[in-house]
Amino acid sequence: MNTANLQMEGVLMAVASLCRLLRQKGIADAAEIETALAEAEATLANDSRRPDQISHSNVEAVLFPIRFLREANRRDVPGGQISYTELTTIVGRTHR
């Protein structure tokens, strides 16, 4: 496996945990986190300055981390944490 993929796995799980902490501390609720992530996804998806040569699959790769975090935010359950592989499978099935 590519080392960058392993690093991305660690970063995404860390950010998902930070989002959970924001909710637990009452700093942001799930809806606020969802809105922020949806805005980030829309901004990336609609970037008019992105070169036309970038393939659809590369754009999907750019969007993956945000989709992962949105799904983690939706699926988070108190006392439990869904695994990276479970989340990536859900994102892969949802966004084809």
Protein backbone atom coordinates (compact mmCIF):
# COMPACT_ATOMS: atom_id res chain seq x y z
CA MET A 1 0.00 0.00 0.00
CA ASN A 2 1.16 3.53 -0.76
CA THR A 3 2.56 5.29 2.33
CA ALA A 4 0.49 8.40 1.52
CA ASN A 5 -2.66 6.28 1.82
CA LEU A 6 -1.63 5.15 5.28
CA GLN A 7 -0.93 8.73 6.30
CA MET A 8 -4.33 9.81 4.95
CA GLU A 9 -5.98 7.06 7.00
CA GLY A 10 -4.38 8.41 10.17
CA VAL A 11 -5.22 12.03 9.42
CA LEU A 12 -8.85 11.26 8.56
CA MET A 13 -9.40 9.24 11.73
CA ALA A 14 -7.77 12.02 13.78
CA VAL A 15 -10.01 14.70 12.24
CA ALA A 16 -13.08 12.50 12.73
CA SER A 17 -12.14 12.18 16.41
CA LEU A 18 -11.71 15.96 16.68
CA CYS A 19 -15.17 16.47 15.15
CA ARG A 20 -16.58 14.08 17.74
CA LEU A 21 -14.81 16.05 20.49
CA LEU A 22 -16.29 19.32 19.17
CA ARG A 23 -19.76 17.76 19.51
CA GLN A 24 -19.05 16.32 22.96
CA LYS A 25 -17.80 19.69 24.23
CA GLY A 26 -20.83 21.48 22.78
CA ILE A 27 -18.69 23.61 20.48
CA ALA A 28 -20.44 22.41 17.32
CA ASP A 29 -23.30 20.01 16.76
CA ALA A 30 -23.51 17.36 14.05
CA ALA A 31 -25.59 19.62 11.79
CA GLU A 32 -23.03 22.44 11.99
CA ILE A 33 -20.18 20.07 11.18
CA GLU A 34 -22.20 18.61 8.31
CA THR A 35 -22.86 22.10 6.90
CA ALA A 36 -19.18 23.05 7.08
CA LEU A 37 -18.08 19.84 5.39
CA ALA A 38 -20.82 20.10 2.73
CA GLU A 39 -19.65 23.63 1.92
CA ALA A 40 -16.06 22.43 1.62
CA GLU A 41 -17.13 19.59 -0.69
CA ALA A 42 -19.21 21.91 -2.88
CA THR A 43 -16.34 24.40 -3.13
CA LEU A 44 -13.93 21.68 -4.25
CA ALA A 45 -16.43 20.04 -6.60
CA ASN A 46 -17.23 23.33 -8.32
CA ASP A 47 -13.72 24.78 -8.56
CA SER A 48 -13.85 26.60 -11.90
CA ARG A 49 -10.11 27.24 -11.81
CA ARG A 50 -9.22 23.54 -11.71
CA PRO A 51 -7.49 22.54 -14.95
CA ASP A 52 -9.72 20.67 -17.41
CA GLN A 53 -7.07 17.97 -17.75
CA ILE A 54 -7.80 16.61 -14.28
CA SER A 55 -9.84 13.46 -14.68
CA HIS A 56 -13.16 12.76 -13.00
CA SER A 57 -11.51 10.04 -10.92
CA ASN A 58 -8.90 12.52 -9.68
CA VAL A 59 -11.63 14.98 -8.69
CA GLU A 60 -13.36 12.13 -6.85
CA ALA A 61 -10.06 11.44 -5.05
CA VAL A 62 -9.92 15.08 -3.95
CA LEU A 63 -13.48 14.85 -2.62
CA PHE A 64 -12.95 11.54 -0.80
CA PRO A 65 -11.55 12.96 2.49
CA ILE A 66 -14.49 15.32 2.92
CA ARG A 67 -16.99 12.60 2.05
CA PHE A 68 -15.27 10.35 4.57
CA LEU A 69 -15.58 12.97 7.31
CA ARG A 70 -19.21 13.68 6.44
CA GLU A 71 -20.00 9.98 6.69
CA ALA A 72 -18.09 9.68 9.97
CA ASN A 73 -20.12 12.61 11.30
CA ARG A 74 -23.38 10.92 10.25
CA ARG A 75 -22.46 7.50 11.61
CA ASP A 76 -20.85 8.49 14.88
CA VAL A 77 -22.43 6.75 17.83
CA PRO A 78 -21.72 7.59 21.48
CA GLY A 79 -19.26 5.14 22.98
CA GLY A 80 -18.33 3.56 19.68
CA GLN A 81 -16.24 4.41 16.69
CA ILE A 82 -16.76 3.04 13.22
CA SER A 83 -13.57 1.77 11.61
CA TYR A 84 -11.72 3.37 8.71
CA THR A 85 -12.40 0.42 6.43
CA GLU A 86 -16.11 0.45 7.24
CA LEU A 87 -16.33 4.16 6.45
CA THR A 88 -14.35 3.88 3.21
CA THR A 89 -16.62 1.07 2.07
CA ILE A 90 -19.71 3.19 2.78
CA VAL A 91 -18.26 6.19 0.95
CA GLY A 92 -17.25 4.00 -2.01
CA ARG A 93 -20.73 2.53 -2.31
CA THR A 94 -22.45 5.89 -1.91
CA HIS A 95 -20.37 7.89 -4.38
CA ARG A 96 -19.97 5.97 -7.62
